[in-house]
PDB file of all heavy atoms in Angstrom:
ATOM      1  N   ASP A   1     -33.425   2.370  15.770  1.00  0.00           N
ATOM      2  CA  ASP A   1     -32.610   3.177  16.675  1.00  0.00           C
ATOM      3  C   ASP A   1     -32.921   4.670  16.597  1.00  0.00           C
ATOM      4  O   ASP A   1     -32.988   5.351  17.616  1.00  0.00           O
ATOM      5  CB  ASP A   1     -31.124   2.942  16.398  1.00  0.00           C
ATOM      6  CG  ASP A   1     -30.718   1.497  16.666  1.00  0.00           C
ATOM      7  OD1 ASP A   1     -31.323   0.887  17.550  1.00  0.00           O
ATOM      8  OD2 ASP A   1     -29.827   0.998  15.977  1.00  0.00           O
ATOM      9  N   ASP A   2     -33.087   5.188  15.384  1.00  0.00           N
ATOM     10  CA  ASP A   2     -33.319   6.627  15.221  1.00  0.00           C
ATOM     11  C   ASP A   2     -34.784   6.980  15.005  1.00  0.00           C
ATOM     12  O   ASP A   2     -35.130   8.156  14.908  1.00  0.00           O
ATOM     13  CB  ASP A   2     -32.493   7.151  14.035  1.00  0.00           C
ATOM     14  CG  ASP A   2     -30.996   6.960  14.258  1.00  0.00           C
ATOM     15  OD1 ASP A   2     -30.549   7.170  15.404  1.00  0.00           O
ATOM     16  OD2 ASP A   2     -30.298   6.586  13.302  1.00  0.00           O
ATOM     17  N   THR A   3     -35.653   5.975  14.901  1.00  0.00           N
ATOM     18  CA  THR A   3     -37.042   6.248  14.507  1.00  0.00           C
ATOM     19  C   THR A   3     -38.084   5.638  15.440  1.00  0.00           C
ATOM     20  O   THR A   3     -39.265   5.661  15.116  1.00  0.00           O
ATOM     21  CB  THR A   3     -37.301   5.723  13.081  1.00  0.00           C
ATOM     22  OG1 THR A   3     -37.011   4.313  13.034  1.00  0.00           O
ATOM     23  CG2 THR A   3     -36.461   6.450  12.048  1.00  0.00           C
ATOM     24  N   ILE A   4     -37.685   5.125  16.584  1.00  0.00           N
ATOM     25  CA  ILE A   4     -38.656   4.412  17.416  1.00  0.00           C
ATOM     26  C   ILE A   4     -39.776   5.334  17.898  1.00  0.00           C
ATOM     27  O   ILE A   4     -40.950   4.941  17.927  1.00  0.00           O
ATOM     28  CB  ILE A   4     -37.965   3.688  18.594  1.00  0.00           C
ATOM     29  CG1 ILE A   4     -39.010   2.808  19.339  1.00  0.00           C
ATOM     30  CG2 ILE A   4     -37.271   4.660  19.547  1.00  0.00           C
ATOM     31  CD1 ILE A   4     -38.406   1.801  20.272  1.00  0.00           C
ATOM     32  N   HIS A   5     -39.457   6.570  18.234  1.00  0.00           N
ATOM     33  CA  HIS A   5     -40.507   7.470  18.714  1.00  0.00           C
ATOM     34  C   HIS A   5     -41.420   7.918  17.572  1.00  0.00           C
ATOM     35  O   HIS A   5     -42.636   8.064  17.765  1.00  0.00           O
ATOM     36  CB  HIS A   5     -39.888   8.658  19.440  1.00  0.00           C
ATOM     37  CG  HIS A   5     -39.212   8.262  20.714  1.00  0.00           C
ATOM     38  ND1 HIS A   5     -39.907   7.905  21.853  1.00  0.00           N
ATOM     39  CD2 HIS A   5     -37.900   8.120  21.015  1.00  0.00           C
ATOM     40  CE1 HIS A   5     -39.053   7.575  22.800  1.00  0.00           C
ATOM     41  NE2 HIS A   5     -37.833   7.692  22.318  1.00  0.00           N
ATOM     42  N   GLN A   6     -40.860   8.076  16.382  1.00  0.00           N
ATOM     43  CA  GLN A   6     -41.691   8.361  15.214  1.00  0.00           C
ATOM     44  C   GLN A   6     -42.603   7.177  14.914  1.00  0.00           C
ATOM     45  O   GLN A   6     -43.767   7.355  14.514  1.00  0.00           O
ATOM     46  CB  GLN A   6     -40.831   8.670  13.991  1.00  0.00           C
ATOM     47  CG  GLN A   6     -40.036   9.968  14.085  1.00  0.00           C
ATOM     48  CD  GLN A   6     -38.611   9.741  14.566  1.00  0.00           C
ATOM     49  OE1 GLN A   6     -38.389   9.038  15.556  1.00  0.00           O
ATOM     50  NE2 GLN A   6     -37.656  10.331  13.880  1.00  0.00           N
ATOM     51  N   ALA A   7     -42.093   5.953  15.109  1.00  0.00           N
ATOM     52  CA  ALA A   7     -42.902   4.756  14.870  1.00  0.00           C
ATOM     53  C   ALA A   7     -44.068   4.682  15.856  1.00  0.00           C
ATOM     54  O   ALA A   7     -45.200   4.363  15.466  1.00  0.00           O
ATOM     55  CB  ALA A   7     -42.029   3.506  14.984  1.00  0.00           C
ATOM     56  N   ILE A   8     -43.805   4.973  17.113  1.00  0.00           N
ATOM     57  CA  ILE A   8     -44.878   4.975  18.114  1.00  0.00           C
ATOM     58  C   ILE A   8     -45.933   6.011  17.747  1.00  0.00           C
ATOM     59  O   ILE A   8     -47.147   5.736  17.794  1.00  0.00           O
ATOM     60  CB  ILE A   8     -44.305   5.250  19.520  1.00  0.00           C
ATOM     61  CG1 ILE A   8     -43.412   4.092  19.973  1.00  0.00           C
ATOM     62  CG2 ILE A   8     -45.441   5.468  20.531  1.00  0.00           C
ATOM     63  CD1 ILE A   8     -42.620   4.373  21.241  1.00  0.00           C
ATOM     64  N   LYS A   9     -45.504   7.202  17.367  1.00  0.00           N
ATOM     65  CA  LYS A   9     -46.444   8.254  16.990  1.00  0.00           C
ATOM     66  C   LYS A   9     -47.277   7.851  15.778  1.00  0.00           C
ATOM     67  O   LYS A   9     -48.495   8.081  15.734  1.00  0.00           O
ATOM     68  CB  LYS A   9     -45.684   9.553  16.690  1.00  0.00           C
ATOM     69  CG  LYS A   9     -45.076  10.220  17.905  1.00  0.00           C
ATOM     70  CD  LYS A   9     -44.289  11.473  17.506  1.00  0.00           C
ATOM     71  CE  LYS A   9     -43.672  12.144  18.713  1.00  0.00           C
ATOM     72  NZ  LYS A   9     -42.884  13.353  18.337  1.00  0.00           N
ATOM     73  N   HIS A  10     -46.639   7.241  14.787  1.00  0.00           N
ATOM     74  CA  HIS A  10     -47.372   6.851  13.574  1.00  0.00           C
ATOM     75  C   HIS A  10     -48.392   5.756  13.892  1.00  0.00           C
ATOM     76  O   HIS A  10     -49.524   5.796  13.386  1.00  0.00           O
ATOM     77  CB  HIS A  10     -46.399   6.373  12.489  1.00  0.00           C
ATOM     78  CG  HIS A  10     -47.030   6.255  11.143  1.00  0.00           C
ATOM     79  ND1 HIS A  10     -47.436   7.349  10.420  1.00  0.00           N
ATOM     80  CD2 HIS A  10     -47.354   5.163  10.398  1.00  0.00           C
ATOM     81  CE1 HIS A  10     -47.977   6.942   9.271  1.00  0.00           C
ATOM     82  NE2 HIS A  10     -47.930   5.618   9.238  1.00  0.00           N
ATOM     83  N   MET A  11     -48.015   4.801  14.724  1.00  0.00           N
ATOM     84  CA  MET A  11     -48.964   3.750  15.096  1.00  0.00           C
ATOM     85  C   MET A  11     -50.147   4.319  15.875  1.00  0.00           C
ATOM     86  O   MET A  11     -51.285   3.858  15.725  1.00  0.00           O
ATOM     87  CB  MET A  11     -48.257   2.652  15.895  1.00  0.00           C
ATOM     88  CG  MET A  11     -47.275   1.841  15.077  1.00  0.00           C
ATOM     89  SD  MET A  11     -46.673   0.338  15.910  1.00  0.00           S
ATOM     90  CE  MET A  11     -45.875   1.025  17.357  1.00  0.00           C
ATOM     91  N   LEU A  12     -49.893   5.328  16.704  1.00  0.00           N
ATOM     92  CA  LEU A  12     -50.980   5.990  17.431  1.00  0.00           C
ATOM     93  C   LEU A  12     -51.973   6.626  16.473  1.00  0.00           C
ATOM     94  O   LEU A  12     -53.188   6.594  16.705  1.00  0.00           O
ATOM     95  CB  LEU A  12     -50.416   7.053  18.376  1.00  0.00           C
ATOM     96  CG  LEU A  12     -49.850   6.563  19.703  1.00  0.00           C
ATOM     97  CD1 LEU A  12     -49.063   7.676  20.374  1.00  0.00           C
ATOM     98  CD2 LEU A  12     -50.961   6.069  20.626  1.00  0.00           C
ATOM     99  N   LEU A  13     -51.478   7.203  15.391  1.00  0.00           N
ATOM    100  CA  LEU A  13     -52.355   7.825  14.411  1.00  0.00           C
ATOM    101  C   LEU A  13     -53.146   6.781  13.616  1.00  0.00           C
ATOM    102  O   LEU A  13     -54.246   7.071  13.125  1.00  0.00           O
ATOM    103  CB  LEU A  13     -51.536   8.704  13.460  1.00  0.00           C
ATOM    104  CG  LEU A  13     -50.837   9.901  14.121  1.00  0.00           C
ATOM    105  CD1 LEU A  13     -49.979  10.640  13.103  1.00  0.00           C
ATOM    106  CD2 LEU A  13     -51.847  10.855  14.752  1.00  0.00           C
ATOM    107  N   LEU A  14     -52.598   5.578  13.487  1.00  0.00           N
ATOM    108  CA  LEU A  14     -53.290   4.508  12.757  1.00  0.00           C
ATOM    109  C   LEU A  14     -54.351   3.810  13.609  1.00  0.00           C
ATOM    110  O   LEU A  14     -55.270   3.194  13.067  1.00  0.00           O
ATOM    111  CB  LEU A  14     -52.281   3.465  12.268  1.00  0.00           C
ATOM    112  CG  LEU A  14     -51.227   3.921  11.251  1.00  0.00           C
ATOM    113  CD1 LEU A  14     -50.298   2.758  10.920  1.00  0.00           C
ATOM    114  CD2 LEU A  14     -51.890   4.459   9.985  1.00  0.00           C
ATOM    115  N   ALA A  15     -54.225   3.894  14.923  1.00  0.00           N
ATOM    116  CA  ALA A  15     -55.121   3.166  15.831  1.00  0.00           C
ATOM    117  C   ALA A  15     -56.358   3.997  16.165  1.00  0.00           C
ATOM    118  O   ALA A  15     -56.246   5.118  16.643  1.00  0.00           O
ATOM    119  CB  ALA A  15     -54.377   2.793  17.106  1.00  0.00           C
ATOM    120  N   LYS A  16     -57.536   3.418  15.949  1.00  0.00           N
ATOM    121  CA  LYS A  16     -58.780   4.096  16.313  1.00  0.00           C
ATOM    122  C   LYS A  16     -59.107   3.900  17.792  1.00  0.00           C
ATOM    123  O   LYS A  16     -59.564   4.820  18.465  1.00  0.00           O
ATOM    124  CB  LYS A  16     -59.943   3.561  15.482  1.00  0.00           C
ATOM    125  CG  LYS A  16     -59.846   3.840  13.998  1.00  0.00           C
ATOM    126  CD  LYS A  16     -61.047   3.221  13.292  1.00  0.00           C
ATOM    127  CE  LYS A  16     -60.984   3.415  11.795  1.00  0.00           C
ATOM    128  NZ  LYS A  16     -62.149   2.779  11.116  1.00  0.00           N
ATOM    129  N   LYS A  17     -58.895   2.683  18.290  1.00  0.00           N
ATOM    130  CA  LYS A  17     -59.327   2.362  19.648  1.00  0.00           C
ATOM    131  C   LYS A  17     -58.208   1.890  20.572  1.00  0.00           C
ATOM    132  O   LYS A  17     -58.200   2.211  21.756  1.00  0.00           O
ATOM    133  CB  LYS A  17     -60.429   1.294  19.606  1.00  0.00           C
ATOM    134  CG  LYS A  17     -61.683   1.735  18.873  1.00  0.00           C
ATOM    135  CD  LYS A  17     -62.724   0.624  18.855  1.00  0.00           C
ATOM    136  CE  LYS A  17     -63.990   1.069  18.125  1.00  0.00           C
ATOM    137  NZ  LYS A  17     -65.004  -0.017  18.083  1.00  0.00           N
ATOM    138  N   ARG A  18     -57.254   1.116  20.032  1.00  0.00           N
ATOM    139  CA  ARG A  18     -56.246   0.528  20.920  1.00  0.00           C
ATOM    140  C   ARG A  18     -54.933   0.305  20.179  1.00  0.00           C
ATOM    141  O   ARG A  18     -54.914  -0.115  19.018  1.00  0.00           O
ATOM    142  CB  ARG A  18     -56.760  -0.796  21.498  1.00  0.00           C
ATOM    143  CG  ARG A  18     -55.787  -1.529  22.409  1.00  0.00           C
ATOM    144  CD  ARG A  18     -56.462  -2.707  23.109  1.00  0.00           C
ATOM    145  NE  ARG A  18     -57.404  -2.232  24.123  1.00  0.00           N
ATOM    146  CZ  ARG A  18     -58.112  -3.038  24.909  1.00  0.00           C
ATOM    147  NH1 ARG A  18     -58.004  -4.353  24.799  1.00  0.00           N
ATOM    148  NH2 ARG A  18     -58.937  -2.532  25.804  1.00  0.00           N
ATOM    149  N   LEU A  19     -53.828   0.582  20.867  1.00  0.00           N
ATOM    150  CA  LEU A  19     -52.485   0.278  20.374  1.00  0.00           C
ATOM    151  C   LEU A  19     -51.787  -0.592  21.409  1.00  0.00           C
ATOM    152  O   LEU A  19     -51.803  -0.275  22.601  1.00  0.00           O
ATOM    153  CB  LEU A  19     -51.687   1.566  20.150  1.00  0.00           C
ATOM    154  CG  LEU A  19     -50.173   1.412  19.895  1.00  0.00           C
ATOM    155  CD1 LEU A  19     -49.924   0.651  18.603  1.00  0.00           C
ATOM    156  CD2 LEU A  19     -49.488   2.777  19.862  1.00  0.00           C
ATOM    157  N   ILE A  20     -51.163  -1.672  20.949  1.00  0.00           N
ATOM    158  CA  ILE A  20     -50.423  -2.582  21.837  1.00  0.00           C
ATOM    159  C   ILE A  20     -49.055  -2.825  21.210  1.00  0.00           C
ATOM    160  O   ILE A  20     -48.956  -3.214  20.041  1.00  0.00           O
ATOM    161  CB  ILE A  20     -51.144  -3.932  22.020  1.00  0.00           C
ATOM    162  CG1 ILE A  20     -52.638  -3.750  22.284  1.00  0.00           C
ATOM    163  CG2 ILE A  20     -50.507  -4.735  23.149  1.00  0.00           C
ATOM    164  CD1 ILE A  20     -53.445  -5.033  22.181  1.00  0.00           C
ATOM    165  N   PHE A  21     -48.004  -2.601  21.979  1.00  0.00           N
ATOM    166  CA  PHE A  21     -46.661  -2.828  21.445  1.00  0.00           C
ATOM    167  C   PHE A  21     -45.699  -3.118  22.594  1.00  0.00           C
ATOM    168  O   PHE A  21     -46.030  -2.912  23.764  1.00  0.00           O
ATOM    169  CB  PHE A  21     -46.172  -1.630  20.617  1.00  0.00           C
ATOM    170  CG  PHE A  21     -45.985  -0.357  21.393  1.00  0.00           C
ATOM    171  CD1 PHE A  21     -44.723   0.037  21.813  1.00  0.00           C
ATOM    172  CD2 PHE A  21     -47.067   0.460  21.692  1.00  0.00           C
ATOM    173  CE1 PHE A  21     -44.535   1.223  22.515  1.00  0.00           C
ATOM    174  CE2 PHE A  21     -46.891   1.660  22.391  1.00  0.00           C
ATOM    175  CZ  PHE A  21     -45.625   2.029  22.808  1.00  0.00           C
ATOM    176  N   THR A  22     -44.525  -3.605  22.250  1.00  0.00           N
ATOM    177  CA  THR A  22     -43.494  -3.877  23.252  1.00  0.00           C
ATOM    178  C   THR A  22     -42.253  -3.045  22.956  1.00  0.00           C
ATOM    179  O   THR A  22     -41.961  -2.704  21.809  1.00  0.00           O
ATOM    180  CB  THR A  22     -43.098  -5.366  23.277  1.00  0.00           C
ATOM    181  OG1 THR A  22     -42.751  -5.792  21.955  1.00  0.00           O
ATOM    182  CG2 THR A  22     -44.214  -6.216  23.837  1.00  0.00           C
ATOM    183  N   ILE A  23     -41.520  -2.742  24.030  1.00  0.00           N
ATOM    184  CA  ILE A  23     -40.231  -2.067  23.912  1.00  0.00           C
ATOM    185  C   ILE A  23     -39.212  -2.795  24.783  1.00  0.00           C
ATOM    186  O   ILE A  23     -39.570  -3.423  25.781  1.00  0.00           O
ATOM    187  CB  ILE A  23     -40.295  -0.587  24.341  1.00  0.00           C
ATOM    188  CG1 ILE A  23     -40.819  -0.461  25.783  1.00  0.00           C
ATOM    189  CG2 ILE A  23     -41.129   0.232  23.369  1.00  0.00           C
ATOM    190  CD1 ILE A  23     -40.666   0.920  26.390  1.00  0.00           C
ATOM    191  N   LEU A  24     -37.962  -2.688  24.399  1.00  0.00           N
ATOM    192  CA  LEU A  24     -36.861  -3.170  25.222  1.00  0.00           C
ATOM    193  C   LEU A  24     -36.252  -1.990  25.960  1.00  0.00           C
ATOM    194  O   LEU A  24     -35.937  -0.969  25.346  1.00  0.00           O
ATOM    195  CB  LEU A  24     -35.794  -3.839  24.361  1.00  0.00           C
ATOM    196  CG  LEU A  24     -36.148  -5.193  23.742  1.00  0.00           C
ATOM    197  CD1 LEU A  24     -35.030  -5.637  22.811  1.00  0.00           C
ATOM    198  CD2 LEU A  24     -36.403  -6.244  24.817  1.00  0.00           C
ATOM    199  N   SER A  25     -36.091  -2.119  27.278  1.00  0.00           N
ATOM    200  CA  SER A  25     -35.515  -1.033  28.080  1.00  0.00           C
ATOM    201  C   SER A  25     -34.236  -1.464  28.797  1.00  0.00           C
ATOM    202  O   SER A  25     -33.753  -0.761  29.671  1.00  0.00           O
ATOM    203  CB  SER A  25     -36.543  -0.540  29.112  1.00  0.00           C
ATOM    204  OG  SER A  25     -37.673  -0.008  28.470  1.00  0.00           O
ATOM    205  N   ASP A  26     -33.715  -2.610  28.422  1.00  0.00           N
ATOM    206  CA  ASP A  26     -32.550  -3.181  29.098  1.00  0.00           C
ATOM    207  C   ASP A  26     -31.286  -2.889  28.303  1.00  0.00           C
ATOM    208  O   ASP A  26     -31.032  -3.509  27.268  1.00  0.00           O
ATOM    209  CB  ASP A  26     -32.751  -4.686  29.261  1.00  0.00           C
ATOM    210  CG  ASP A  26     -31.733  -5.318  30.190  1.00  0.00           C
ATOM    211  OD1 ASP A  26     -30.673  -4.704  30.416  1.00  0.00           O
ATOM    212  OD2 ASP A  26     -32.003  -6.410  30.703  1.00  0.00           O
ATOM    213  N   LYS A  27     -30.487  -1.939  28.773  1.00  0.00           N
ATOM    214  CA  LYS A  27     -29.276  -1.557  28.054  1.00  0.00           C
ATOM    215  C   LYS A  27     -28.206  -2.641  28.094  1.00  0.00           C
ATOM    216  O   LYS A  27     -27.238  -2.597  27.333  1.00  0.00           O
ATOM    217  CB  LYS A  27     -28.715  -0.258  28.637  1.00  0.00           C
ATOM    218  CG  LYS A  27     -29.607   0.944  28.380  1.00  0.00           C
ATOM    219  CD  LYS A  27     -28.991   2.214  28.939  1.00  0.00           C
ATOM    220  CE  LYS A  27     -29.876   3.416  28.643  1.00  0.00           C
ATOM    221  NZ  LYS A  27     -29.330   4.672  29.191  1.00  0.00           N
ATOM    222  N   ASN A  28     -28.376  -3.616  28.975  1.00  0.00           N
ATOM    223  CA  ASN A  28     -27.390  -4.692  29.093  1.00  0.00           C
ATOM    224  C   ASN A  28     -27.689  -5.875  28.168  1.00  0.00           C
ATOM    225  O   ASN A  28     -26.941  -6.844  28.150  1.00  0.00           O
ATOM    226  CB  ASN A  28     -27.338  -5.191  30.540  1.00  0.00           C
ATOM    227  CG  ASN A  28     -26.865  -4.115  31.497  1.00  0.00           C
ATOM    228  OD1 ASN A  28     -25.914  -3.387  31.203  1.00  0.00           O
ATOM    229  ND2 ASN A  28     -27.528  -3.997  32.641  1.00  0.00           N
ATOM    230  N   ILE A  29     -28.777  -5.792  27.407  1.00  0.00           N
ATOM    231  CA  ILE A  29     -29.169  -6.933  26.582  1.00  0.00           C
ATOM    232  C   ILE A  29     -28.245  -7.113  25.376  1.00  0.00           C
ATOM    233  O   ILE A  29     -28.143  -8.174  24.802  1.00  0.00           O
ATOM    234  CB  ILE A  29     -30.645  -6.791  26.124  1.00  0.00           C
ATOM    235  CG1 ILE A  29     -31.163  -8.130  25.602  1.00  0.00           C
ATOM    236  CG2 ILE A  29     -30.808  -5.693  25.095  1.00  0.00           C
ATOM    237  CD1 ILE A  29     -32.649  -8.142  25.353  1.00  0.00           C
ATOM    238  N   GLY A  30     -27.565  -6.054  24.986  1.00  0.00           N
ATOM    239  CA  GLY A  30     -26.649  -6.158  23.855  1.00  0.00           C
ATOM    240  C   GLY A  30     -26.835  -5.001  22.897  1.00  0.00           C
ATOM    241  O   GLY A  30     -27.893  -4.377  22.851  1.00  0.00           O
TER     242      GLY A  30
END
């Protein structure tokens, strides 16, 4: 909840060629 953007940034720094990930954007999911 408080670190998702930091997590995306850190994974970008770890990736040399490609990063693949999923996010949930549905506020009604719970």
